Amino acid sequence: QVSLWYTLMSINNKTAWSTWFTAANATLESLSGLSRSG
């Protein structure tokens, strides 16, 4: 949960802190180290 939250924060920062942003599962898997089900 901590890893996923930090991953979303990292992506959100790259979008200049947009309120809503999109993130593909493949990107989340690569950055967080989690599986799709995780």
PDB file of all heavy atoms in Angstrom:
ATOM      1  N   GLN A   1       0.831  -1.205   0.000  1.00  0.00           N
ATOM      2  CA  GLN A   1       0.000   0.000   0.000  1.00  0.00           C
ATOM      3  C   GLN A   1       0.866   1.256   0.000  1.00  0.00           C
ATOM      4  O   GLN A   1       0.577   2.223  -0.705  1.00  0.00           O
ATOM      5  CB  GLN A   1      -0.928  -0.022   1.217  1.00  0.00           C
ATOM      6  CG  GLN A   1      -1.984  -1.121   1.147  1.00  0.00           C
ATOM      7  CD  GLN A   1      -2.537  -1.508   2.504  1.00  0.00           C
ATOM      8  OE1 GLN A   1      -2.288  -0.844   3.515  1.00  0.00           O
ATOM      9  NE2 GLN A   1      -3.286  -2.605   2.551  1.00  0.00           N
ATOM     10  N   VAL A   2       1.946   1.214   0.778  1.00  0.00           N
ATOM     11  CA  VAL A   2       2.868   2.357   0.824  1.00  0.00           C
ATOM     12  C   VAL A   2       3.534   2.549  -0.534  1.00  0.00           C
ATOM     13  O   VAL A   2       3.639   3.664  -1.051  1.00  0.00           O
ATOM     14  CB  VAL A   2       3.932   2.150   1.918  1.00  0.00           C
ATOM     15  CG1 VAL A   2       4.991   3.243   1.847  1.00  0.00           C
ATOM     16  CG2 VAL A   2       3.280   2.130   3.296  1.00  0.00           C
ATOM     17  N   SER A   3       3.971   1.461  -1.119  1.00  0.00           N
ATOM     18  CA  SER A   3       4.638   1.539  -2.421  1.00  0.00           C
ATOM     19  C   SER A   3       3.711   2.099  -3.494  1.00  0.00           C
ATOM     20  O   SER A   3       4.116   2.944  -4.301  1.00  0.00           O
ATOM     21  CB  SER A   3       5.146   0.153  -2.834  1.00  0.00           C
ATOM     22  OG  SER A   3       5.773   0.191  -4.090  1.00  0.00           O
ATOM     23  N   LEU A   4       2.458   1.644  -3.504  1.00  0.00           N
ATOM     24  CA  LEU A   4       1.510   2.120  -4.506  1.00  0.00           C
ATOM     25  C   LEU A   4       1.201   3.598  -4.294  1.00  0.00           C
ATOM     26  O   LEU A   4       1.108   4.369  -5.263  1.00  0.00           O
ATOM     27  CB  LEU A   4       0.219   1.301  -4.441  1.00  0.00           C
ATOM     28  CG  LEU A   4      -0.880   1.710  -5.442  1.00  0.00           C
ATOM     29  CD1 LEU A   4      -0.364   1.644  -6.869  1.00  0.00           C
ATOM     30  CD2 LEU A   4      -2.109   0.820  -5.274  1.00  0.00           C
ATOM     31  N   TRP A   5       1.059   4.032  -3.046  1.00  0.00           N
ATOM     32  CA  TRP A   5       0.768   5.442  -2.771  1.00  0.00           C
ATOM     33  C   TRP A   5       1.914   6.327  -3.257  1.00  0.00           C
ATOM     34  O   TRP A   5       1.687   7.360  -3.905  1.00  0.00           O
ATOM     35  CB  TRP A   5       0.540   5.653  -1.268  1.00  0.00           C
ATOM     36  CG  TRP A   5       0.084   7.056  -0.928  1.00  0.00           C
ATOM     37  CD1 TRP A   5      -1.201   7.516  -0.903  1.00  0.00           C
ATOM     38  CD2 TRP A   5       0.918   8.163  -0.572  1.00  0.00           C
ATOM     39  NE1 TRP A   5      -1.228   8.844  -0.555  1.00  0.00           N
ATOM     40  CE2 TRP A   5       0.056   9.267  -0.340  1.00  0.00           C
ATOM     41  CE3 TRP A   5       2.278   8.333  -0.426  1.00  0.00           C
ATOM     42  CZ2 TRP A   5       0.538  10.521   0.021  1.00  0.00           C
ATOM     43  CZ3 TRP A   5       2.772   9.591  -0.068  1.00  0.00           C
ATOM     44  CH2 TRP A   5       1.906  10.671   0.163  1.00  0.00           C
ATOM     45  N   TYR A   6       3.159   5.937  -2.958  1.00  0.00           N
ATOM     46  CA  TYR A   6       4.311   6.725  -3.406  1.00  0.00           C
ATOM     47  C   TYR A   6       4.416   6.725  -4.931  1.00  0.00           C
ATOM     48  O   TYR A   6       4.825   7.722  -5.541  1.00  0.00           O
ATOM     49  CB  TYR A   6       5.597   6.179  -2.796  1.00  0.00           C
ATOM     50  CG  TYR A   6       5.911   6.755  -1.436  1.00  0.00           C
ATOM     51  CD1 TYR A   6       5.873   5.953  -0.291  1.00  0.00           C
ATOM     52  CD2 TYR A   6       6.252   8.089  -1.280  1.00  0.00           C
ATOM     53  CE1 TYR A   6       6.160   6.476   0.957  1.00  0.00           C
ATOM     54  CE2 TYR A   6       6.536   8.623  -0.040  1.00  0.00           C
ATOM     55  CZ  TYR A   6       6.491   7.816   1.082  1.00  0.00           C
ATOM     56  OH  TYR A   6       6.782   8.336   2.309  1.00  0.00           O
ATOM     57  N   THR A   7       4.050   5.619  -5.562  1.00  0.00           N
ATOM     58  CA  THR A   7       4.073   5.558  -7.021  1.00  0.00           C
ATOM     59  C   THR A   7       3.078   6.544  -7.615  1.00  0.00           C
ATOM     60  O   THR A   7       3.397   7.277  -8.563  1.00  0.00           O
ATOM     61  CB  THR A   7       3.735   4.130  -7.498  1.00  0.00           C
ATOM     62  OG1 THR A   7       4.745   3.230  -7.040  1.00  0.00           O
ATOM     63  CG2 THR A   7       3.654   4.065  -9.011  1.00  0.00           C
ATOM     64  N   LEU A   8       1.881   6.588  -7.072  1.00  0.00           N
ATOM     65  CA  LEU A   8       0.869   7.536  -7.549  1.00  0.00           C
ATOM     66  C   LEU A   8       1.308   8.975  -7.290  1.00  0.00           C
ATOM     67  O   LEU A   8       1.065   9.862  -8.129  1.00  0.00           O
ATOM     68  CB  LEU A   8      -0.475   7.251  -6.870  1.00  0.00           C
ATOM     69  CG  LEU A   8      -1.132   5.911  -7.252  1.00  0.00           C
ATOM     70  CD1 LEU A   8      -2.370   5.656  -6.395  1.00  0.00           C
ATOM     71  CD2 LEU A   8      -1.502   5.905  -8.735  1.00  0.00           C
ATOM     72  N   MET A   9       1.966   9.228  -6.167  1.00  0.00           N
ATOM     73  CA  MET A   9       2.499  10.563  -5.897  1.00  0.00           C
ATOM     74  C   MET A   9       3.553  10.955  -6.930  1.00  0.00           C
ATOM     75  O   MET A   9       3.593  12.092  -7.409  1.00  0.00           O
ATOM     76  CB  MET A   9       3.112  10.603  -4.491  1.00  0.00           C
ATOM     77  CG  MET A   9       2.115  10.832  -3.379  1.00  0.00           C
ATOM     78  SD  MET A   9       1.496  12.542  -3.356  1.00  0.00           S
ATOM     79  CE  MET A   9       2.983  13.431  -2.888  1.00  0.00           C
ATOM     80  N   SER A  10       4.394  10.015  -7.279  1.00  0.00           N
ATOM     81  CA  SER A  10       5.440  10.278  -8.270  1.00  0.00           C
ATOM     82  C   SER A  10       4.837  10.621  -9.628  1.00  0.00           C
ATOM     83  O   SER A  10       5.263  11.581 -10.285  1.00  0.00           O
ATOM     84  CB  SER A  10       6.359   9.055  -8.395  1.00  0.00           C
ATOM     85  OG  SER A  10       7.334   9.254  -9.395  1.00  0.00           O
ATOM     86  N   ILE A  11       3.838   9.854 -10.043  1.00  0.00           N
ATOM     87  CA  ILE A  11       3.190  10.120 -11.329  1.00  0.00           C
ATOM     88  C   ILE A  11       2.430  11.436 -11.281  1.00  0.00           C
ATOM     89  O   ILE A  11       2.456  12.230 -12.233  1.00  0.00           O
ATOM     90  CB  ILE A  11       2.249   8.958 -11.698  1.00  0.00           C
ATOM     91  CG1 ILE A  11       3.051   7.660 -11.876  1.00  0.00           C
ATOM     92  CG2 ILE A  11       1.464   9.279 -12.956  1.00  0.00           C
ATOM     93  CD1 ILE A  11       2.195   6.431 -12.089  1.00  0.00           C
ATOM     94  N   ASN A  12       1.761  11.706 -10.169  1.00  0.00           N
ATOM     95  CA  ASN A  12       1.015  12.948 -10.013  1.00  0.00           C
ATOM     96  C   ASN A  12       1.941  14.159 -10.110  1.00  0.00           C
ATOM     97  O   ASN A  12       1.599  15.196 -10.681  1.00  0.00           O
ATOM     98  CB  ASN A  12       0.282  12.935  -8.666  1.00  0.00           C
ATOM     99  CG  ASN A  12      -0.825  13.984  -8.583  1.00  0.00           C
ATOM    100  OD1 ASN A  12      -1.424  14.199  -7.537  1.00  0.00           O
ATOM    101  ND2 ASN A  12      -1.105  14.680  -9.681  1.00  0.00           N
ATOM    102  N   ASN A  13       3.139  14.028  -9.556  1.00  0.00           N
ATOM    103  CA  ASN A  13       4.116  15.118  -9.631  1.00  0.00           C
ATOM    104  C   ASN A  13       4.501  15.412 -11.080  1.00  0.00           C
ATOM    105  O   ASN A  13       4.669  16.568 -11.482  1.00  0.00           O
ATOM    106  CB  ASN A  13       5.357  14.753  -8.831  1.00  0.00           C
ATOM    107  CG  ASN A  13       6.459  15.781  -8.982  1.00  0.00           C
ATOM    108  OD1 ASN A  13       6.372  16.901  -8.485  1.00  0.00           O
ATOM    109  ND2 ASN A  13       7.527  15.402  -9.677  1.00  0.00           N
ATOM    110  N   LYS A  14       4.639  14.341 -11.882  1.00  0.00           N
ATOM    111  CA  LYS A  14       5.014  14.525 -13.289  1.00  0.00           C
ATOM    112  C   LYS A  14       3.905  15.193 -14.091  1.00  0.00           C
ATOM    113  O   LYS A  14       4.159  15.731 -15.181  1.00  0.00           O
ATOM    114  CB  LYS A  14       5.373  13.171 -13.907  1.00  0.00           C
ATOM    115  CG  LYS A  14       6.611  12.524 -13.291  1.00  0.00           C
ATOM    116  CD  LYS A  14       6.926  11.195 -13.949  1.00  0.00           C
ATOM    117  CE  LYS A  14       8.053  10.465 -13.223  1.00  0.00           C
ATOM    118  NZ  LYS A  14       9.306  11.240 -13.197  1.00  0.00           N
ATOM    119  N   THR A  15       2.685  15.153 -13.576  1.00  0.00           N
ATOM    120  CA  THR A  15       1.572  15.823 -14.253  1.00  0.00           C
ATOM    121  C   THR A  15       1.341  17.231 -13.704  1.00  0.00           C
ATOM    122  O   THR A  15       0.299  17.823 -13.955  1.00  0.00           O
ATOM    123  CB  THR A  15       0.280  15.011 -14.095  1.00  0.00           C
ATOM    124  OG1 THR A  15      -0.113  14.995 -12.705  1.00  0.00           O
ATOM    125  CG2 THR A  15       0.460  13.587 -14.589  1.00  0.00           C
ATOM    126  N   ALA A  16       2.335  17.726 -12.960  1.00  0.00           N
ATOM    127  CA  ALA A  16       2.239  19.068 -12.349  1.00  0.00           C
ATOM    128  C   ALA A  16       1.074  19.139 -11.366  1.00  0.00           C
ATOM    129  O   ALA A  16       0.369  20.142 -11.268  1.00  0.00           O
ATOM    130  CB  ALA A  16       2.112  20.145 -13.413  1.00  0.00           C
ATOM    131  N   TRP A  17       0.874  18.044 -10.628  1.00  0.00           N
ATOM    132  CA  TRP A  17      -0.139  17.958  -9.578  1.00  0.00           C
ATOM    133  C   TRP A  17      -1.545  18.196 -10.095  1.00  0.00           C
ATOM    134  O   TRP A  17      -2.325  18.940  -9.509  1.00  0.00           O
ATOM    135  CB  TRP A  17       0.178  18.922  -8.432  1.00  0.00           C
ATOM    136  CG  TRP A  17       1.529  18.706  -7.830  1.00  0.00           C
ATOM    137  CD1 TRP A  17       2.547  19.588  -7.802  1.00  0.00           C
ATOM    138  CD2 TRP A  17       2.000  17.531  -7.155  1.00  0.00           C
ATOM    139  NE1 TRP A  17       3.640  19.041  -7.181  1.00  0.00           N
ATOM    140  CE2 TRP A  17       3.337  17.780  -6.766  1.00  0.00           C
ATOM    141  CE3 TRP A  17       1.444  16.293  -6.856  1.00  0.00           C
ATOM    142  CZ2 TRP A  17       4.112  16.850  -6.102  1.00  0.00           C
ATOM    143  CZ3 TRP A  17       2.221  15.353  -6.194  1.00  0.00           C
ATOM    144  CH2 TRP A  17       3.529  15.651  -5.817  1.00  0.00           C
ATOM    145  N   SER A  18      -1.864  17.551 -11.206  1.00  0.00           N
ATOM    146  CA  SER A  18      -3.244  17.595 -11.697  1.00  0.00           C
ATOM    147  C   SER A  18      -4.162  16.893 -10.700  1.00  0.00           C
ATOM    148  O   SER A  18      -3.767  15.911 -10.063  1.00  0.00           O
ATOM    149  CB  SER A  18      -3.348  16.896 -13.059  1.00  0.00           C
ATOM    150  OG  SER A  18      -2.530  17.545 -14.017  1.00  0.00           O
ATOM    151  N   THR A  19      -5.386  17.397 -10.577  1.00  0.00           N
ATOM    152  CA  THR A  19      -6.325  16.795  -9.623  1.00  0.00           C
ATOM    153  C   THR A  19      -6.599  15.344  -9.996  1.00  0.00           C
ATOM    154  O   THR A  19      -6.567  14.446  -9.153  1.00  0.00           O
ATOM    155  CB  THR A  19      -7.638  17.584  -9.589  1.00  0.00           C
ATOM    156  OG1 THR A  19      -7.352  18.954  -9.255  1.00  0.00           O
ATOM    157  CG2 THR A  19      -8.581  16.994  -8.545  1.00  0.00           C
ATOM    158  N   TRP A  20      -6.869  15.116 -11.274  1.00  0.00           N
ATOM    159  CA  TRP A  20      -7.064  13.756 -11.786  1.00  0.00           C
ATOM    160  C   TRP A  20      -6.008  13.481 -12.860  1.00  0.00           C
ATOM    161  O   TRP A  20      -5.660  14.355 -13.650  1.00  0.00           O
ATOM    162  CB  TRP A  20      -8.459  13.582 -12.389  1.00  0.00           C
ATOM    163  CG  TRP A  20      -9.547  13.446 -11.351  1.00  0.00           C
ATOM    164  CD1 TRP A  20     -10.268  14.448 -10.791  1.00  0.00           C
ATOM    165  CD2 TRP A  20     -10.012  12.227 -10.763  1.00  0.00           C
ATOM    166  NE1 TRP A  20     -11.164  13.934  -9.877  1.00  0.00           N
ATOM    167  CE2 TRP A  20     -11.029  12.558  -9.838  1.00  0.00           C
ATOM    168  CE3 TRP A  20      -9.683  10.881 -10.919  1.00  0.00           C
ATOM    169  CZ2 TRP A  20     -11.711  11.620  -9.085  1.00  0.00           C
ATOM    170  CZ3 TRP A  20     -10.361   9.935 -10.162  1.00  0.00           C
ATOM    171  CH2 TRP A  20     -11.363  10.306  -9.261  1.00  0.00           C
ATOM    172  N   PHE A  21      -5.484  12.279 -12.878  1.00  0.00           N
ATOM    173  CA  PHE A  21      -4.484  11.887 -13.865  1.00  0.00           C
ATOM    174  C   PHE A  21      -4.667  10.401 -14.162  1.00  0.00           C
ATOM    175  O   PHE A  21      -5.284   9.671 -13.383  1.00  0.00           O
ATOM    176  CB  PHE A  21      -3.066  12.148 -13.346  1.00  0.00           C
ATOM    177  CG  PHE A  21      -2.741  11.412 -12.071  1.00  0.00           C
ATOM    178  CD1 PHE A  21      -2.107  10.180 -12.091  1.00  0.00           C
ATOM    179  CD2 PHE A  21      -3.082  11.957 -10.830  1.00  0.00           C
ATOM    180  CE1 PHE A  21      -1.811   9.497 -10.916  1.00  0.00           C
ATOM    181  CE2 PHE A  21      -2.795  11.284  -9.652  1.00  0.00           C
ATOM    182  CZ  PHE A  21      -2.163  10.053  -9.693  1.00  0.00           C
ATOM    183  N   THR A  22      -4.170   9.954 -15.287  1.00  0.00           N
ATOM    184  CA  THR A  22      -4.291   8.545 -15.662  1.00  0.00           C
ATOM    185  C   THR A  22      -2.962   7.826 -15.498  1.00  0.00           C
ATOM    186  O   THR A  22      -1.889   8.422 -15.645  1.00  0.00           O
ATOM    187  CB  THR A  22      -4.756   8.404 -17.128  1.00  0.00           C
ATOM    188  OG1 THR A  22      -3.820   9.068 -17.984  1.00  0.00           O
ATOM    189  CG2 THR A  22      -6.141   9.005 -17.309  1.00  0.00           C
ATOM    190  N   ALA A  23      -3.040   6.552 -15.189  1.00  0.00           N
ATOM    191  CA  ALA A  23      -1.835   5.724 -15.024  1.00  0.00           C
ATOM    192  C   ALA A  23      -2.163   4.300 -15.464  1.00  0.00           C
ATOM    193  O   ALA A  23      -3.108   3.691 -14.961  1.00  0.00           O
ATOM    194  CB  ALA A  23      -1.353   5.735 -13.576  1.00  0.00           C
ATOM    195  N   ALA A  24      -1.400   3.782 -16.401  1.00  0.00           N
ATOM    196  CA  ALA A  24      -1.610   2.420 -16.878  1.00  0.00           C
ATOM    197  C   ALA A  24      -1.118   1.413 -15.847  1.00  0.00           C
ATOM    198  O   ALA A  24      -0.178   1.692 -15.088  1.00  0.00           O
ATOM    199  CB  ALA A  24      -0.878   2.211 -18.203  1.00  0.00           C
ATOM    200  N   ASN A  25      -1.746   0.252 -15.820  1.00  0.00           N
ATOM    201  CA  ASN A  25      -1.334  -0.778 -14.870  1.00  0.00           C
ATOM    202  C   ASN A  25       0.115  -1.202 -15.076  1.00  0.00           C
ATOM    203  O   ASN A  25       0.835  -1.489 -14.121  1.00  0.00           O
ATOM    204  CB  ASN A  25      -2.250  -2.002 -14.980  1.00  0.00           C
ATOM    205  CG  ASN A  25      -3.626  -1.757 -14.378  1.00  0.00           C
ATOM    206  OD1 ASN A  25      -3.774  -0.936 -13.479  1.00  0.00           O
ATOM    207  ND2 ASN A  25      -4.624  -2.457 -14.881  1.00  0.00           N
ATOM    208  N   ALA A  26       0.545  -1.243 -16.336  1.00  0.00           N
ATOM    209  CA  ALA A  26       1.928  -1.631 -16.621  1.00  0.00           C
ATOM    210  C   ALA A  26       2.906  -0.652 -15.990  1.00  0.00           C
ATOM    211  O   ALA A  26       3.956  -1.048 -15.466  1.00  0.00           O
ATOM    212  CB  ALA A  26       2.147  -1.704 -18.131  1.00  0.00           C
ATOM    213  N   THR A  27       2.562   0.633 -16.017  1.00  0.00           N
ATOM    214  CA  THR A  27       3.423   1.656 -15.395  1.00  0.00           C
ATOM    215  C   THR A  27       3.457   1.480 -13.888  1.00  0.00           C
ATOM    216  O   THR A  27       4.523   1.561 -13.267  1.00  0.00           O
ATOM    217  CB  THR A  27       2.907   3.061 -15.750  1.00  0.00           C
ATOM    218  OG1 THR A  27       2.887   3.212 -17.168  1.00  0.00           O
ATOM    219  CG2 THR A  27       3.801   4.129 -15.136  1.00  0.00           C
ATOM    220  N   LEU A  28       2.306   1.246 -13.300  1.00  0.00           N
ATOM    221  CA  LEU A  28       2.234   1.047 -11.851  1.00  0.00           C
ATOM    222  C   LEU A  28       3.007  -0.195 -11.433  1.00  0.00           C
ATOM    223  O   LEU A  28       3.685  -0.204 -10.393  1.00  0.00           O
ATOM    224  CB  LEU A  28       0.780   0.945 -11.405  1.00  0.00           C
ATOM    225  CG  LEU A  28      -0.095   2.194 -11.630  1.00  0.00           C
ATOM    226  CD1 LEU A  28      -1.521   1.936 -11.164  1.00  0.00           C
ATOM    227  CD2 LEU A  28       0.492   3.397 -10.906  1.00  0.00           C
ATOM    228  N   GLU A  29       2.907  -1.248 -12.221  1.00  0.00           N
ATOM    229  CA  GLU A  29       3.636  -2.478 -11.915  1.00  0.00           C
ATOM    230  C   GLU A  29       5.139  -2.232 -11.942  1.00  0.00           C
ATOM    231  O   GLU A  29       5.883  -2.690 -11.064  1.00  0.00           O
ATOM    232  CB  GLU A  29       3.279  -3.569 -12.928  1.00  0.00           C
ATOM    233  CG  GLU A  29       1.857  -4.095 -12.798  1.00  0.00           C
ATOM    234  CD  GLU A  29       1.524  -5.075 -13.917  1.00  0.00           C
ATOM    235  OE1 GLU A  29       2.453  -5.665 -14.495  1.00  0.00           O
ATOM    236  OE2 GLU A  29       0.334  -5.242 -14.225  1.00  0.00           O
ATOM    237  N   SER A  30       5.600  -1.495 -12.950  1.00  0.00           N
ATOM    238  CA  SER A  30       7.028  -1.245 -13.110  1.00  0.00           C
ATOM    239  C   SER A  30       7.585  -0.391 -11.981  1.00  0.00           C
ATOM    240  O   SER A  30       8.673  -0.656 -11.457  1.00  0.00           O
ATOM    241  CB  SER A  30       7.277  -0.564 -14.460  1.00  0.00           C
ATOM    242  OG  SER A  30       8.642  -0.221 -14.603  1.00  0.00           O
ATOM    243  N   LEU A  31       6.856   0.645 -11.573  1.00  0.00           N
ATOM    244  CA  LEU A  31       7.356   1.574 -10.560  1.00  0.00           C
ATOM    245  C   LEU A  31       7.179   1.059  -9.137  1.00  0.00           C
ATOM    246  O   LEU A  31       8.009   1.346  -8.272  1.00  0.00           O
ATOM    247  CB  LEU A  31       6.652   2.930 -10.713  1.00  0.00           C
ATOM    248  CG  LEU A  31       6.940   3.707 -11.996  1.00  0.00           C
ATOM    249  CD1 LEU A  31       6.133   4.993 -12.038  1.00  0.00           C
ATOM    250  CD2 LEU A  31       8.428   4.023 -12.102  1.00  0.00           C
ATOM    251  N   SER A  32       6.108   0.344  -8.884  1.00  0.00           N
ATOM    252  CA  SER A  32       5.816  -0.094  -7.515  1.00  0.00           C
ATOM    253  C   SER A  32       6.383  -1.468  -7.189  1.00  0.00           C
ATOM    254  O   SER A  32       6.557  -1.816  -6.022  1.00  0.00           O
ATOM    255  CB  SER A  32       4.307  -0.110  -7.273  1.00  0.00           C
ATOM    256  OG  SER A  32       3.689  -1.118  -8.050  1.00  0.00           O
ATOM    257  N   GLY A  33       6.640  -2.272  -8.227  1.00  0.00           N
ATOM    258  CA  GLY A  33       7.099  -3.640  -7.986  1.00  0.00           C
ATOM    259  C   GLY A  33       5.976  -4.593  -7.629  1.00  0.00           C
ATOM    260  O   GLY A  33       6.235  -5.735  -7.240  1.00  0.00           O
ATOM    261  N   LEU A  34       4.735  -4.147  -7.770  1.00  0.00           N
ATOM    262  CA  LEU A  34       3.579  -4.981  -7.439  1.00  0.00           C
ATOM    263  C   LEU A  34       3.067  -5.703  -8.676  1.00  0.00           C
ATOM    264  O   LEU A  34       3.301  -5.269  -9.806  1.00  0.00           O
ATOM    265  CB  LEU A  34       2.455  -4.123  -6.849  1.00  0.00           C
ATOM    266  CG  LEU A  34       2.754  -3.394  -5.533  1.00  0.00           C
ATOM    267  CD1 LEU A  34       1.595  -2.455  -5.200  1.00  0.00           C
ATOM    268  CD2 LEU A  34       2.989  -4.373  -4.403  1.00  0.00           C
ATOM    269  N   SER A  35       2.348  -6.796  -8.458  1.00  0.00           N
ATOM    270  CA  SER A  35       1.704  -7.510  -9.549  1.00  0.00           C
ATOM    271  C   SER A  35       0.388  -6.812  -9.890  1.00  0.00           C
ATOM    272  O   SER A  35      -0.057  -5.899  -9.183  1.00  0.00           O
ATOM    273  CB  SER A  35       1.447  -8.958  -9.151  1.00  0.00           C
ATOM    274  OG  SER A  35       0.535  -9.010  -8.055  1.00  0.00           O
ATOM    275  N   ARG A  36      -0.229  -7.252 -10.979  1.00  0.00           N
ATOM    276  CA  ARG A  36      -1.512  -6.655 -11.373  1.00  0.00           C
ATOM    277  C   ARG A  36      -2.556  -6.842 -10.274  1.00  0.00           C
ATOM    278  O   ARG A  36      -3.284  -5.906  -9.917  1.00  0.00           O
ATOM    279  CB  ARG A  36      -1.986  -7.298 -12.693  1.00  0.00           C
ATOM    280  CG  ARG A  36      -3.293  -6.729 -13.259  1.00  0.00           C
ATOM    281  CD  ARG A  36      -3.082  -5.327 -13.798  1.00  0.00           C
ATOM    282  NE  ARG A  36      -2.057  -5.296 -14.816  1.00  0.00           N
ATOM    283  CZ  ARG A  36      -2.262  -5.496 -16.117  1.00  0.00           C
ATOM    284  NH1 ARG A  36      -3.493  -5.742 -16.560  1.00  0.00           N
ATOM    285  NH2 ARG A  36      -1.286  -5.419 -16.988  1.00  0.00           N
ATOM    286  N   SER A  37      -2.628  -8.041  -9.720  1.00  0.00           N
ATOM    287  CA  SER A  37      -3.602  -8.283  -8.652  1.00  0.00           C
ATOM    288  C   SER A  37      -3.251  -7.496  -7.401  1.00  0.00           C
ATOM    289  O   SER A  37      -4.138  -7.040  -6.663  1.00  0.00           O
ATOM    290  CB  SER A  37      -3.650  -9.784  -8.335  1.00  0.00           C
ATOM    291  OG  SER A  37      -2.377 -10.255  -7.906  1.00  0.00           O
ATOM    292  N   GLY A  38      -1.945  -7.308  -7.160  1.00  0.00           N
ATOM    293  CA  GLY A  38      -1.528  -6.523  -5.992  1.00  0.00           C
ATOM    294  C   GLY A  38      -1.942  -5.074  -6.110  1.00  0.00           C
ATOM    295  O   GLY A  38      -2.328  -4.439  -5.117  1.00  0.00           O
TER     296      GLY A  38
END
